[in-house]
Amino acid sequence: NWQPGHPLDPATTMGTLIDCAHADSVHSFIREGESKGQLLLDGRNAELAAAIGPTIFVDVDPNASLSREEIFGPVLVVTRFTSEEQALQLANDSQYGLGAAVWTRDLSRAHRMSRRLKAGSVFVNNYNDGDMTVPFGGYKQSGNGRDKSLHALEKFTELKTIWISLEA
């Protein structure tokens, strides 16, 4: 049970978005989605506009901006599919590729789908797990290189060799 609200309120389990401008952007996606899809769960908060709770849409056109843009808010668009191929086509038909998830009881399907998804991180039967020792970053227009892990350490440092003679 996600309870959006003021970050200092102990009852809050999900804080506000970063600022009002970003909240306005997320609200505009939600308003657009109301006209282009079925709003299943409305997480808007009348008392605190930047405290948006989980919002879920179903049956949105896969070409609508709600389906294609990175919203960076608690908005989920559920798209129905009838085959693995269609699911892969829908998931990979994007300029972004930060993360993807596969939910299945079939381990072979999990491996097969994970290999073919064009995303920097693929989660199976979970989402947003992580570890500082594992590289994090996206494909295509999502990200620039990898954060976390030794890959990031190498990216953000420069090597230097210093030779010192102790006989001087």
C-alpha atoms as a PDB file:
ATOM      1  CA  ASN A   1       0.000   0.000   0.000  1.00  0.00           C
ATOM      2  CA  TRP A   2       1.781   3.104  -1.266  1.00  0.00           C
ATOM      3  CA  GLN A   3       0.896   6.257   0.616  1.00  0.00           C
ATOM      4  CA  PRO A   4       2.177   9.341  -1.205  1.00  0.00           C
ATOM      5  CA  GLY A   5       2.616  12.473   0.827  1.00  0.00           C
ATOM      6  CA  HIS A   6       4.984  14.832   2.562  1.00  0.00           C
ATOM      7  CA  PRO A   7       8.402  13.156   2.909  1.00  0.00           C
ATOM      8  CA  LEU A   8       8.660  14.023   6.627  1.00  0.00           C
ATOM      9  CA  ASP A   9       5.263  12.525   7.492  1.00  0.00           C
ATOM     10  CA  PRO A  10       5.803   9.059   9.060  1.00  0.00           C
ATOM     11  CA  ALA A  11       2.693   7.741   7.282  1.00  0.00           C
ATOM     12  CA  THR A  12       4.263   8.504   3.894  1.00  0.00           C
ATOM     13  CA  THR A  13       5.687   5.514   2.047  1.00  0.00           C
ATOM     14  CA  MET A  14       6.340   7.383  -1.198  1.00  0.00           C
ATOM     15  CA  GLY A  15       7.563  10.969  -1.204  1.00  0.00           C
ATOM     16  CA  THR A  16       6.806  13.779  -3.592  1.00  0.00           C
ATOM     17  CA  LEU A  17       8.283  14.240  -7.041  1.00  0.00           C
ATOM     18  CA  ILE A  18      11.451  16.338  -7.276  1.00  0.00           C
ATOM     19  CA  ASP A  19       9.687  19.676  -7.861  1.00  0.00           C
ATOM     20  CA  CYS A  20       6.415  21.262  -8.991  1.00  0.00           C
ATOM     21  CA  ALA A  21       7.571  21.630 -12.601  1.00  0.00           C
ATOM     22  CA  HIS A  22       8.201  17.899 -12.855  1.00  0.00           C
ATOM     23  CA  ALA A  23       4.907  17.148 -11.104  1.00  0.00           C
ATOM     24  CA  ASP A  24       3.162  19.347 -13.707  1.00  0.00           C
ATOM     25  CA  SER A  25       4.821  17.300 -16.453  1.00  0.00           C
ATOM     26  CA  VAL A  26       3.635  14.012 -14.930  1.00  0.00           C
ATOM     27  CA  HIS A  27       0.132  15.462 -14.444  1.00  0.00           C
ATOM     28  CA  SER A  28       0.045  16.415 -18.144  1.00  0.00           C
ATOM     29  CA  PHE A  29       0.861  12.811 -19.097  1.00  0.00           C
ATOM     30  CA  ILE A  30      -1.930  11.595 -16.800  1.00  0.00           C
ATOM     31  CA  ARG A  31      -4.430  14.057 -18.322  1.00  0.00           C
ATOM     32  CA  GLU A  32      -3.418  12.955 -21.817  1.00  0.00           C
ATOM     33  CA  GLY A  33      -3.793   9.327 -20.797  1.00  0.00           C
ATOM     34  CA  GLU A  34      -7.317   9.907 -19.522  1.00  0.00           C
ATOM     35  CA  SER A  35      -8.364  10.834 -23.055  1.00  0.00           C
ATOM     36  CA  LYS A  36      -6.421   8.034 -24.809  1.00  0.00           C
ATOM     37  CA  GLY A  37      -6.777   5.056 -22.554  1.00  0.00           C
ATOM     38  CA  GLN A  38      -8.557   3.589 -19.623  1.00  0.00           C
ATOM     39  CA  LEU A  39      -7.488   4.979 -16.262  1.00  0.00           C
ATOM     40  CA  LEU A  40      -7.473   1.972 -13.957  1.00  0.00           C
ATOM     41  CA  LEU A  41      -5.895   3.583 -10.889  1.00  0.00           C
ATOM     42  CA  ASP A  42      -5.664   7.352 -10.345  1.00  0.00           C
ATOM     43  CA  GLY A  43      -2.865   8.330  -7.975  1.00  0.00           C
ATOM     44  CA  ARG A  44      -3.307  12.082  -8.103  1.00  0.00           C
ATOM     45  CA  ASN A  45      -3.446  13.863  -4.766  1.00  0.00           C
ATOM     46  CA  ALA A  46      -5.722  16.912  -4.490  1.00  0.00           C
ATOM     47  CA  GLU A  47      -3.990  18.150  -1.326  1.00  0.00           C
ATOM     48  CA  LEU A  48      -0.372  17.945  -2.486  1.00  0.00           C
ATOM     49  CA  ALA A  49       0.061  18.125  -6.286  1.00  0.00           C
ATOM     50  CA  ALA A  50       3.650  16.827  -6.236  1.00  0.00           C
ATOM     51  CA  ALA A  51       2.606  13.723  -4.249  1.00  0.00           C
ATOM     52  CA  ILE A  52       1.437  11.478  -7.059  1.00  0.00           C
ATOM     53  CA  GLY A  53       0.711   7.884  -6.148  1.00  0.00           C
ATOM     54  CA  PRO A  54       0.780   4.875  -8.435  1.00  0.00           C
ATOM     55  CA  THR A  55      -1.276   5.551 -11.553  1.00  0.00           C
ATOM     56  CA  ILE A  56      -2.151   2.751 -13.977  1.00  0.00           C
ATOM     57  CA  PHE A  57      -3.529   2.892 -17.523  1.00  0.00           C
ATOM     58  CA  VAL A  58      -4.666  -0.036 -19.677  1.00  0.00           C
ATOM     59  CA  ASP A  59      -5.406  -0.324 -23.392  1.00  0.00           C
ATOM     60  CA  VAL A  60      -3.416   2.770 -24.389  1.00  0.00           C
ATOM     61  CA  ASP A  61      -2.378   2.993 -28.045  1.00  0.00           C
ATOM     62  CA  PRO A  62       1.265   1.823 -28.218  1.00  0.00           C
ATOM     63  CA  ASN A  63       2.051   4.876 -30.382  1.00  0.00           C
ATOM     64  CA  ALA A  64       0.669   7.414 -27.882  1.00  0.00           C
ATOM     65  CA  SER A  65       3.244   9.540 -26.065  1.00  0.00           C
ATOM     66  CA  LEU A  66       2.019   8.039 -22.782  1.00  0.00           C
ATOM     67  CA  SER A  67       3.311   4.684 -24.070  1.00  0.00           C
ATOM     68  CA  ARG A  68       6.488   5.999 -25.687  1.00  0.00           C
ATOM     69  CA  GLU A  69       7.976   8.699 -23.453  1.00  0.00           C
ATOM     70  CA  GLU A  70       9.969   8.411 -20.240  1.00  0.00           C
ATOM     71  CA  ILE A  71       7.571   9.910 -17.710  1.00  0.00           C
ATOM     72  CA  PHE A  72       9.827   9.614 -14.632  1.00  0.00           C
ATOM     73  CA  GLY A  73       6.834   9.330 -12.365  1.00  0.00           C
ATOM     74  CA  PRO A  74       4.706   6.574 -10.826  1.00  0.00           C
ATOM     75  CA  VAL A  75       2.746   5.901 -14.018  1.00  0.00           C
ATOM     76  CA  LEU A  76       2.357   2.414 -15.490  1.00  0.00           C
ATOM     77  CA  VAL A  77       0.937   1.740 -18.941  1.00  0.00           C
ATOM     78  CA  VAL A  78      -0.235  -1.854 -19.404  1.00  0.00           C
ATOM     79  CA  THR A  79      -0.347  -3.083 -22.999  1.00  0.00           C
ATOM     80  CA  ARG A  80      -1.885  -6.412 -23.902  1.00  0.00           C
ATOM     81  CA  PHE A  81      -0.055  -8.840 -26.209  1.00  0.00           C
ATOM     82  CA  THR A  82      -0.796 -12.296 -27.584  1.00  0.00           C
ATOM     83  CA  SER A  83       2.687 -13.742 -28.202  1.00  0.00           C
ATOM     84  CA  GLU A  84       6.304 -13.439 -27.117  1.00  0.00           C
ATOM     85  CA  GLU A  85       7.165 -11.938 -30.494  1.00  0.00           C
ATOM     86  CA  GLN A  86       4.541  -9.225 -30.112  1.00  0.00           C
ATOM     87  CA  ALA A  87       5.686  -8.500 -26.552  1.00  0.00           C
ATOM     88  CA  LEU A  88       9.301  -8.157 -27.721  1.00  0.00           C
ATOM     89  CA  GLN A  89       8.273  -5.933 -30.622  1.00  0.00           C
ATOM     90  CA  LEU A  90       6.291  -3.651 -28.310  1.00  0.00           C
ATOM     91  CA  ALA A  91       9.068  -3.504 -25.710  1.00  0.00           C
ATOM     92  CA  ASN A  92      11.915  -2.929 -28.168  1.00  0.00           C
ATOM     93  CA  ASP A  93      10.070  -0.417 -30.374  1.00  0.00           C
ATOM     94  CA  SER A  94      11.325   2.525 -28.360  1.00  0.00           C
ATOM     95  CA  GLN A  95      14.172   4.996 -28.474  1.00  0.00           C
ATOM     96  CA  TYR A  96      14.794   4.152 -24.818  1.00  0.00           C
ATOM     97  CA  GLY A  97      16.153   1.052 -23.154  1.00  0.00           C
ATOM     98  CA  LEU A  98      16.957   1.588 -19.489  1.00  0.00           C
ATOM     99  CA  GLY A  99      15.126  -1.340 -17.908  1.00  0.00           C
ATOM    100  CA  ALA A 100      12.702  -4.114 -18.743  1.00  0.00           C
ATOM    101  CA  ALA A 101      10.931  -6.802 -16.751  1.00  0.00           C
ATOM    102  CA  VAL A 102       9.752 -10.305 -17.539  1.00  0.00           C
ATOM    103  CA  TRP A 103       7.138 -11.944 -15.328  1.00  0.00           C
ATOM    104  CA  THR A 104       6.917 -15.687 -15.887  1.00  0.00           C
ATOM    105  CA  ARG A 105       7.118 -19.074 -14.190  1.00  0.00           C
ATOM    106  CA  ASP A 106       8.951 -20.479 -17.226  1.00  0.00           C
ATOM    107  CA  LEU A 107      12.718 -20.142 -16.708  1.00  0.00           C
ATOM    108  CA  SER A 108      13.440 -20.898 -20.382  1.00  0.00           C
ATOM    109  CA  ARG A 109      11.124 -18.065 -21.399  1.00  0.00           C
ATOM    110  CA  ALA A 110      12.814 -15.748 -18.896  1.00  0.00           C
ATOM    111  CA  HIS A 111      16.227 -16.440 -20.447  1.00  0.00           C
ATOM    112  CA  ARG A 112      14.930 -16.233 -24.020  1.00  0.00           C
ATOM    113  CA  MET A 113      13.135 -12.928 -23.468  1.00  0.00           C
ATOM    114  CA  SER A 114      15.979 -11.422 -21.419  1.00  0.00           C
ATOM    115  CA  ARG A 115      18.479 -12.061 -24.224  1.00  0.00           C
ATOM    116  CA  ARG A 116      16.265 -10.365 -26.801  1.00  0.00           C
ATOM    117  CA  LEU A 117      15.121  -7.332 -24.799  1.00  0.00           C
ATOM    118  CA  LYS A 118      17.088  -4.208 -25.739  1.00  0.00           C
ATOM    119  CA  ALA A 119      17.545  -2.832 -22.239  1.00  0.00           C
ATOM    120  CA  GLY A 120      20.510  -2.227 -19.969  1.00  0.00           C
ATOM    121  CA  SER A 121      18.889  -4.095 -17.076  1.00  0.00           C
ATOM    122  CA  VAL A 122      16.377  -6.918 -17.299  1.00  0.00           C
ATOM    123  CA  PHE A 123      14.536  -7.987 -14.165  1.00  0.00           C
ATOM    124  CA  VAL A 124      12.787 -11.352 -13.919  1.00  0.00           C
ATOM    125  CA  ASN A 125       9.839 -11.611 -11.517  1.00  0.00           C
ATOM    126  CA  ASN A 126      10.937  -8.447  -9.706  1.00  0.00           C
ATOM    127  CA  TYR A 127      11.723  -4.872 -10.558  1.00  0.00           C
ATOM    128  CA  ASN A 128      14.385  -2.415  -9.534  1.00  0.00           C
ATOM    129  CA  ASP A 129      16.600  -4.739  -7.536  1.00  0.00           C
ATOM    130  CA  GLY A 130      20.177  -3.586  -7.598  1.00  0.00           C
ATOM    131  CA  ASP A 131      23.639  -3.842  -6.209  1.00  0.00           C
ATOM    132  CA  MET A 132      26.474  -1.332  -6.245  1.00  0.00           C
ATOM    133  CA  THR A 133      28.810  -3.975  -7.683  1.00  0.00           C
ATOM    134  CA  VAL A 134      26.696  -4.502 -10.812  1.00  0.00           C
ATOM    135  CA  PRO A 135      26.845  -2.088 -13.786  1.00  0.00           C
ATOM    136  CA  PHE A 136      23.764   0.094 -14.294  1.00  0.00           C
ATOM    137  CA  GLY A 137      22.878   1.925 -17.501  1.00  0.00           C
ATOM    138  CA  GLY A 138      20.691   1.781 -20.556  1.00  0.00           C
ATOM    139  CA  TYR A 139      20.689   1.072 -24.256  1.00  0.00           C
ATOM    140  CA  LYS A 140      19.860   3.516 -27.030  1.00  0.00           C
ATOM    141  CA  GLN A 141      18.858   6.970 -25.672  1.00  0.00           C
ATOM    142  CA  SER A 142      18.771   5.829 -22.030  1.00  0.00           C
ATOM    143  CA  GLY A 143      21.959   6.728 -20.306  1.00  0.00           C
ATOM    144  CA  ASN A 144      25.560   7.301 -21.211  1.00  0.00           C
ATOM    145  CA  GLY A 145      27.826   4.442 -20.224  1.00  0.00           C
ATOM    146  CA  ARG A 146      27.457   2.565 -16.977  1.00  0.00           C
ATOM    147  CA  ASP A 147      27.149   3.747 -13.394  1.00  0.00           C
ATOM    148  CA  LYS A 148      27.986   1.670 -10.331  1.00  0.00           C
ATOM    149  CA  SER A 149      30.599  -1.126 -10.295  1.00  0.00           C
ATOM    150  CA  LEU A 150      34.175  -1.081 -11.521  1.00  0.00           C
ATOM    151  CA  HIS A 151      32.922   0.102 -14.931  1.00  0.00           C
ATOM    152  CA  ALA A 152      31.914   3.436 -13.402  1.00  0.00           C
ATOM    153  CA  LEU A 153      35.117   3.692 -11.400  1.00  0.00           C
ATOM    154  CA  GLU A 154      37.107   3.331 -14.615  1.00  0.00           C
ATOM    155  CA  LYS A 155      34.848   5.829 -16.412  1.00  0.00           C
ATOM    156  CA  PHE A 156      35.204   8.547 -13.779  1.00  0.00           C
ATOM    157  CA  THR A 157      38.907   8.197 -13.000  1.00  0.00           C
ATOM    158  CA  GLU A 158      42.153   8.605 -14.877  1.00  0.00           C
ATOM    159  CA  LEU A 159      45.071   6.297 -14.398  1.00  0.00           C
ATOM    160  CA  LYS A 160      48.480   7.725 -13.704  1.00  0.00           C
ATOM    161  CA  THR A 161      51.800   5.973 -13.326  1.00  0.00           C
ATOM    162  CA  ILE A 162      54.471   7.639 -11.192  1.00  0.00           C
ATOM    163  CA  TRP A 163      58.082   6.408 -11.186  1.00  0.00           C
ATOM    164  CA  ILE A 164      60.217   7.526  -8.254  1.00  0.00           C
ATOM    165  CA  SER A 165      63.895   6.861  -7.896  1.00  0.00           C
ATOM    166  CA  LEU A 166      64.890   6.356  -4.275  1.00  0.00           C
ATOM    167  CA  GLU A 167      68.556   6.913  -5.132  1.00  0.00           C
ATOM    168  CA  ALA A 168      68.280  10.647  -5.828  1.00  0.00           C
END
